[in-house]
Amino acid sequence: MKEITSSQFDSEVLRSNIPVLVDFYTEGCSPCRMMSPVLAEIEQESSATLKIVKVDAAADAQFSASFGVSAVPTFVLFNNGQQAGQITGARSKKEMKKWLDDSIRATA
C-alpha cells in the first residue's frame, strides 16, 4: 500500500480510474496495525479493480479532519472522484470486502 500526503491526494485518489480506499491511520494504533494484513490481502486480490492508499492522520491532522476523521482507523472510499463511503474501526476481511463491494455498487 502506498502512503500518500495531502499534496498527492488529487492525483492518487480523485483522478484515479478505479475506486480508491484511503486508510487514515496512526503509527501507535493497534487496530490500525491489525488492519494492515487485511488491507494487503484485499489489495492483492483486487489490484485491477481497487487501489488502497494510506494517510498518516497524525502527521496530516488538518487534512484528516477535513474528512471527519476523529478516530483511527478510518476508511474513506472514493469512486469516480467522489466520496462513496466511510467507516471507522477494525473489520474482518469479509466485512471490509462486503462494505467495499456494496459501496462501489451503490455509486457505480
N, C-alpha and C. Protein backbone atom coordinates (compact mmCIF):
# COMPACT_ATOMS: atom_id res chain seq x y z
N MET A 1 0.83 -1.18 0.00
CA MET A 1 0.00 0.00 0.00
C MET A 1 0.88 1.24 0.00
N LYS A 2 0.52 2.14 -0.82
CA LYS A 2 1.29 3.37 -0.94
C LYS A 2 0.83 4.38 0.09
N GLU A 3 1.79 5.01 0.76
CA GLU A 3 1.45 6.09 1.69
C GLU A 3 1.49 7.40 0.91
N ILE A 4 0.44 8.21 1.09
CA ILE A 4 0.38 9.49 0.39
C ILE A 4 0.18 10.62 1.39
N THR A 5 0.42 11.83 0.92
CA THR A 5 0.19 13.04 1.71
C THR A 5 -0.95 13.83 1.05
N SER A 6 -1.37 14.88 1.71
CA SER A 6 -2.46 15.69 1.16
C SER A 6 -2.11 16.26 -0.21
N SER A 7 -0.82 16.52 -0.45
CA SER A 7 -0.42 17.09 -1.74
C SER A 7 -0.55 16.07 -2.88
N GLN A 8 -0.59 14.79 -2.57
CA GLN A 8 -0.72 13.75 -3.59
C GLN A 8 -2.16 13.28 -3.75
N PHE A 9 -3.05 13.76 -2.90
CA PHE A 9 -4.42 13.26 -2.85
C PHE A 9 -5.15 13.41 -4.18
N ASP A 10 -5.05 14.56 -4.78
CA ASP A 10 -5.76 14.80 -6.03
C ASP A 10 -5.35 13.81 -7.11
N SER A 11 -4.05 13.66 -7.32
CA SER A 11 -3.57 12.78 -8.39
C SER A 11 -3.75 11.30 -8.06
N GLU A 12 -3.55 10.91 -6.81
CA GLU A 12 -3.62 9.50 -6.43
C GLU A 12 -5.04 9.00 -6.17
N VAL A 13 -5.92 9.87 -5.71
CA VAL A 13 -7.26 9.44 -5.30
C VAL A 13 -8.34 9.99 -6.23
N LEU A 14 -8.44 11.29 -6.33
CA LEU A 14 -9.55 11.90 -7.06
C LEU A 14 -9.48 11.65 -8.56
N ARG A 15 -8.30 11.51 -9.11
CA ARG A 15 -8.16 11.29 -10.56
C ARG A 15 -7.95 9.83 -10.93
N SER A 16 -8.11 8.93 -9.98
CA SER A 16 -7.91 7.51 -10.25
C SER A 16 -9.01 6.96 -11.16
N ASN A 17 -8.62 6.04 -12.03
CA ASN A 17 -9.57 5.39 -12.93
C ASN A 17 -10.35 4.27 -12.26
N ILE A 18 -9.90 3.86 -11.08
CA ILE A 18 -10.56 2.80 -10.32
C ILE A 18 -10.87 3.32 -8.91
N PRO A 19 -11.79 2.68 -8.20
CA PRO A 19 -12.08 3.11 -6.83
C PRO A 19 -10.82 3.08 -5.96
N VAL A 20 -10.78 3.99 -4.98
CA VAL A 20 -9.63 4.10 -4.09
C VAL A 20 -10.12 4.08 -2.64
N LEU A 21 -9.52 3.20 -1.85
CA LEU A 21 -9.78 3.16 -0.42
C LEU A 21 -8.64 3.89 0.28
N VAL A 22 -8.99 4.92 1.06
CA VAL A 22 -8.00 5.68 1.80
C VAL A 22 -8.06 5.22 3.26
N ASP A 23 -6.93 4.73 3.76
CA ASP A 23 -6.81 4.26 5.13
C ASP A 23 -6.15 5.36 5.95
N PHE A 24 -6.94 6.04 6.79
CA PHE A 24 -6.39 7.04 7.70
C PHE A 24 -5.97 6.30 8.96
N TYR A 25 -4.68 6.35 9.30
CA TYR A 25 -4.13 5.58 10.39
C TYR A 25 -3.15 6.42 11.19
N THR A 26 -2.68 5.88 12.32
CA THR A 26 -1.54 6.45 13.05
C THR A 26 -0.60 5.32 13.42
N GLU A 27 0.65 5.65 13.64
CA GLU A 27 1.66 4.64 13.95
C GLU A 27 1.37 3.84 15.21
N GLY A 28 0.91 4.49 16.27
CA GLY A 28 0.72 3.82 17.54
C GLY A 28 -0.62 3.12 17.71
N CYS A 29 -1.39 3.02 16.67
CA CYS A 29 -2.75 2.49 16.73
C CYS A 29 -2.75 0.97 16.51
N SER A 30 -3.13 0.22 17.56
CA SER A 30 -3.17 -1.25 17.45
C SER A 30 -4.19 -1.73 16.41
N PRO A 31 -5.43 -1.21 16.40
CA PRO A 31 -6.37 -1.64 15.37
C PRO A 31 -5.87 -1.33 13.95
N CYS A 32 -5.13 -0.23 13.82
CA CYS A 32 -4.56 0.11 12.50
C CYS A 32 -3.56 -0.96 12.07
N ARG A 33 -2.72 -1.39 13.00
CA ARG A 33 -1.74 -2.44 12.69
C ARG A 33 -2.45 -3.75 12.37
N MET A 34 -3.54 -4.03 13.06
CA MET A 34 -4.31 -5.25 12.79
C MET A 34 -4.90 -5.23 11.38
N MET A 35 -5.24 -4.07 10.89
CA MET A 35 -5.87 -3.95 9.58
C MET A 35 -4.87 -4.06 8.43
N SER A 36 -3.60 -3.81 8.69
CA SER A 36 -2.60 -3.82 7.62
C SER A 36 -2.59 -5.12 6.81
N PRO A 37 -2.51 -6.30 7.45
CA PRO A 37 -2.51 -7.52 6.63
C PRO A 37 -3.84 -7.76 5.91
N VAL A 38 -4.94 -7.34 6.52
CA VAL A 38 -6.26 -7.48 5.88
C VAL A 38 -6.30 -6.63 4.61
N LEU A 39 -5.86 -5.39 4.72
CA LEU A 39 -5.85 -4.50 3.56
C LEU A 39 -4.87 -4.98 2.49
N ALA A 40 -3.74 -5.52 2.92
CA ALA A 40 -2.75 -6.04 1.96
C ALA A 40 -3.35 -7.20 1.16
N GLU A 41 -4.09 -8.07 1.82
CA GLU A 41 -4.74 -9.18 1.12
C GLU A 41 -5.79 -8.67 0.13
N ILE A 42 -6.61 -7.74 0.58
CA ILE A 42 -7.65 -7.19 -0.29
C ILE A 42 -7.00 -6.50 -1.49
N GLU A 43 -5.94 -5.75 -1.24
CA GLU A 43 -5.25 -5.07 -2.33
C GLU A 43 -4.69 -6.07 -3.34
N GLN A 44 -4.09 -7.13 -2.85
CA GLN A 44 -3.51 -8.14 -3.74
C GLN A 44 -4.59 -8.82 -4.58
N GLU A 45 -5.71 -9.14 -3.95
CA GLU A 45 -6.79 -9.83 -4.65
C GLU A 45 -7.54 -8.91 -5.62
N SER A 46 -7.51 -7.61 -5.37
CA SER A 46 -8.33 -6.66 -6.14
C SER A 46 -7.50 -5.61 -6.86
N SER A 47 -6.23 -5.89 -7.11
CA SER A 47 -5.33 -4.86 -7.63
C SER A 47 -5.79 -4.22 -8.94
N ALA A 48 -6.55 -4.94 -9.74
CA ALA A 48 -7.02 -4.37 -11.01
C ALA A 48 -8.28 -3.54 -10.85
N THR A 49 -8.98 -3.71 -9.72
CA THR A 49 -10.27 -3.05 -9.56
C THR A 49 -10.35 -2.13 -8.34
N LEU A 50 -9.31 -2.11 -7.51
CA LEU A 50 -9.31 -1.28 -6.31
C LEU A 50 -7.88 -0.89 -5.95
N LYS A 51 -7.72 0.37 -5.60
CA LYS A 51 -6.43 0.90 -5.16
C LYS A 51 -6.57 1.24 -3.68
N ILE A 52 -5.55 0.94 -2.88
CA ILE A 52 -5.57 1.28 -1.46
C ILE A 52 -4.36 2.15 -1.15
N VAL A 53 -4.62 3.27 -0.50
CA VAL A 53 -3.54 4.17 -0.08
C VAL A 53 -3.71 4.46 1.41
N LYS A 54 -2.61 4.88 2.04
CA LYS A 54 -2.62 5.19 3.46
C LYS A 54 -2.27 6.66 3.67
N VAL A 55 -2.93 7.27 4.67
CA VAL A 55 -2.63 8.65 5.07
C VAL A 55 -2.39 8.63 6.58
N ASP A 56 -1.25 9.15 7.00
CA ASP A 56 -0.94 9.25 8.43
C ASP A 56 -1.77 10.38 9.01
N ALA A 57 -2.81 10.02 9.77
CA ALA A 57 -3.76 11.01 10.29
C ALA A 57 -3.11 11.96 11.29
N ALA A 58 -2.09 11.50 11.99
CA ALA A 58 -1.41 12.36 12.97
C ALA A 58 -0.50 13.36 12.27
N ALA A 59 0.18 12.92 11.23
CA ALA A 59 1.10 13.79 10.50
C ALA A 59 0.35 14.83 9.67
N ASP A 60 -0.87 14.51 9.26
CA ASP A 60 -1.66 15.40 8.41
C ASP A 60 -3.03 15.60 9.05
N ALA A 61 -3.03 16.08 10.31
CA ALA A 61 -4.25 16.16 11.13
C ALA A 61 -5.32 17.06 10.52
N GLN A 62 -4.93 18.21 10.00
CA GLN A 62 -5.93 19.13 9.44
C GLN A 62 -6.58 18.51 8.21
N PHE A 63 -5.79 17.89 7.36
CA PHE A 63 -6.32 17.23 6.17
C PHE A 63 -7.26 16.09 6.57
N SER A 64 -6.84 15.29 7.53
CA SER A 64 -7.66 14.17 8.01
C SER A 64 -8.98 14.68 8.58
N ALA A 65 -8.91 15.74 9.36
CA ALA A 65 -10.12 16.31 9.96
C ALA A 65 -11.10 16.80 8.89
N SER A 66 -10.59 17.22 7.73
CA SER A 66 -11.47 17.70 6.67
C SER A 66 -12.38 16.58 6.14
N PHE A 67 -12.04 15.32 6.44
CA PHE A 67 -12.87 14.18 6.06
C PHE A 67 -13.64 13.63 7.26
N GLY A 68 -13.61 14.37 8.36
CA GLY A 68 -14.34 13.95 9.54
C GLY A 68 -13.66 12.83 10.31
N VAL A 69 -12.37 12.67 10.09
CA VAL A 69 -11.63 11.61 10.78
C VAL A 69 -11.37 12.07 12.22
N SER A 70 -12.03 11.40 13.17
CA SER A 70 -11.83 11.72 14.57
C SER A 70 -11.29 10.53 15.35
N ALA A 71 -11.25 9.37 14.70
CA ALA A 71 -10.70 8.16 15.29
C ALA A 71 -10.04 7.35 14.18
N VAL A 72 -9.09 6.52 14.56
CA VAL A 72 -8.41 5.68 13.58
C VAL A 72 -8.53 4.22 13.99
N PRO A 73 -8.55 3.30 13.05
CA PRO A 73 -8.50 3.57 11.61
C PRO A 73 -9.86 4.04 11.08
N THR A 74 -9.80 4.96 10.15
CA THR A 74 -10.99 5.38 9.40
C THR A 74 -10.70 5.11 7.93
N PHE A 75 -11.66 4.52 7.27
CA PHE A 75 -11.52 4.17 5.86
C PHE A 75 -12.52 4.98 5.05
N VAL A 76 -12.00 5.69 4.05
CA VAL A 76 -12.86 6.51 3.19
C VAL A 76 -12.69 5.99 1.77
N LEU A 77 -13.80 5.63 1.16
CA LEU A 77 -13.79 5.09 -0.20
C LEU A 77 -14.17 6.18 -1.19
N PHE A 78 -13.41 6.26 -2.26
CA PHE A 78 -13.69 7.21 -3.34
C PHE A 78 -13.91 6.43 -4.62
N ASN A 79 -14.92 6.84 -5.37
CA ASN A 79 -15.20 6.24 -6.66
C ASN A 79 -15.54 7.36 -7.63
N ASN A 80 -14.85 7.38 -8.75
CA ASN A 80 -15.04 8.43 -9.76
C ASN A 80 -14.83 9.82 -9.17
N GLY A 81 -13.85 9.94 -8.27
CA GLY A 81 -13.51 11.23 -7.69
C GLY A 81 -14.44 11.72 -6.60
N GLN A 82 -15.43 10.92 -6.25
CA GLN A 82 -16.41 11.30 -5.23
C GLN A 82 -16.33 10.36 -4.04
N GLN A 83 -16.59 10.90 -2.85
CA GLN A 83 -16.61 10.05 -1.67
C GLN A 83 -17.79 9.09 -1.77
N ALA A 84 -17.52 7.79 -1.63
CA ALA A 84 -18.55 6.77 -1.81
C ALA A 84 -18.93 6.08 -0.51
N GLY A 85 -18.17 6.31 0.54
CA GLY A 85 -18.48 5.68 1.82
C GLY A 85 -17.39 5.93 2.83
N GLN A 86 -17.73 5.72 4.10
CA GLN A 86 -16.75 5.92 5.18
C GLN A 86 -17.13 5.04 6.37
N ILE A 87 -16.14 4.35 6.92
CA ILE A 87 -16.35 3.56 8.14
C ILE A 87 -15.14 3.76 9.05
N THR A 88 -15.35 3.52 10.33
CA THR A 88 -14.28 3.65 11.31
C THR A 88 -14.18 2.36 12.10
N GLY A 89 -12.94 1.96 12.39
CA GLY A 89 -12.71 0.78 13.23
C GLY A 89 -12.26 -0.42 12.44
N ALA A 90 -11.61 -1.33 13.16
CA ALA A 90 -11.11 -2.56 12.56
C ALA A 90 -12.28 -3.45 12.15
N ARG A 91 -12.11 -4.13 11.04
CA ARG A 91 -13.12 -5.04 10.49
C ARG A 91 -12.42 -6.31 10.02
N SER A 92 -13.20 -7.37 9.90
CA SER A 92 -12.67 -8.59 9.30
C SER A 92 -12.53 -8.38 7.80
N LYS A 93 -11.78 -9.23 7.16
CA LYS A 93 -11.62 -9.14 5.71
C LYS A 93 -12.98 -9.28 5.02
N LYS A 94 -13.78 -10.21 5.49
CA LYS A 94 -15.10 -10.43 4.90
C LYS A 94 -15.97 -9.18 5.03
N GLU A 95 -15.97 -8.55 6.20
CA GLU A 95 -16.76 -7.33 6.41
C GLU A 95 -16.27 -6.19 5.52
N MET A 96 -14.95 -6.05 5.42
CA MET A 96 -14.38 -4.98 4.57
C MET A 96 -14.76 -5.18 3.12
N LYS A 97 -14.62 -6.41 2.64
CA LYS A 97 -14.93 -6.68 1.23
C LYS A 97 -16.41 -6.43 0.94
N LYS A 98 -17.29 -6.82 1.86
CA LYS A 98 -18.72 -6.59 1.65
C LYS A 98 -19.02 -5.10 1.63
N TRP A 99 -18.44 -4.35 2.58
CA TRP A 99 -18.66 -2.90 2.61
C TRP A 99 -18.14 -2.25 1.32
N LEU A 100 -16.95 -2.65 0.90
CA LEU A 100 -16.37 -2.10 -0.33
C LEU A 100 -17.26 -2.42 -1.53
N ASP A 101 -17.64 -3.69 -1.67
CA ASP A 101 -18.48 -4.09 -2.81
C ASP A 101 -19.81 -3.33 -2.82
N ASP A 102 -20.47 -3.26 -1.65
CA ASP A 102 -21.76 -2.56 -1.55
C ASP A 102 -21.61 -1.08 -1.88
N SER A 103 -20.56 -0.45 -1.34
CA SER A 103 -20.35 0.99 -1.55
C SER A 103 -20.02 1.30 -3.01
N ILE A 104 -19.19 0.48 -3.62
CA ILE A 104 -18.83 0.69 -5.04
C ILE A 104 -20.04 0.48 -5.91
N ARG A 105 -20.80 -0.56 -5.64
CA ARG A 105 -22.00 -0.86 -6.44
C ARG A 105 -23.01 0.29 -6.34
N ALA A 106 -23.15 0.88 -5.16
CA ALA A 106 -24.11 1.95 -4.94
C ALA A 106 -23.75 3.24 -5.67
N THR A 107 -22.46 3.40 -6.00
CA THR A 107 -22.02 4.64 -6.65
C THR A 107 -21.60 4.42 -8.10
N ALA A 108 -21.80 3.23 -8.61
CA ALA A 108 -21.35 2.93 -9.98
C ALA A 108 -22.23 3.62 -11.01
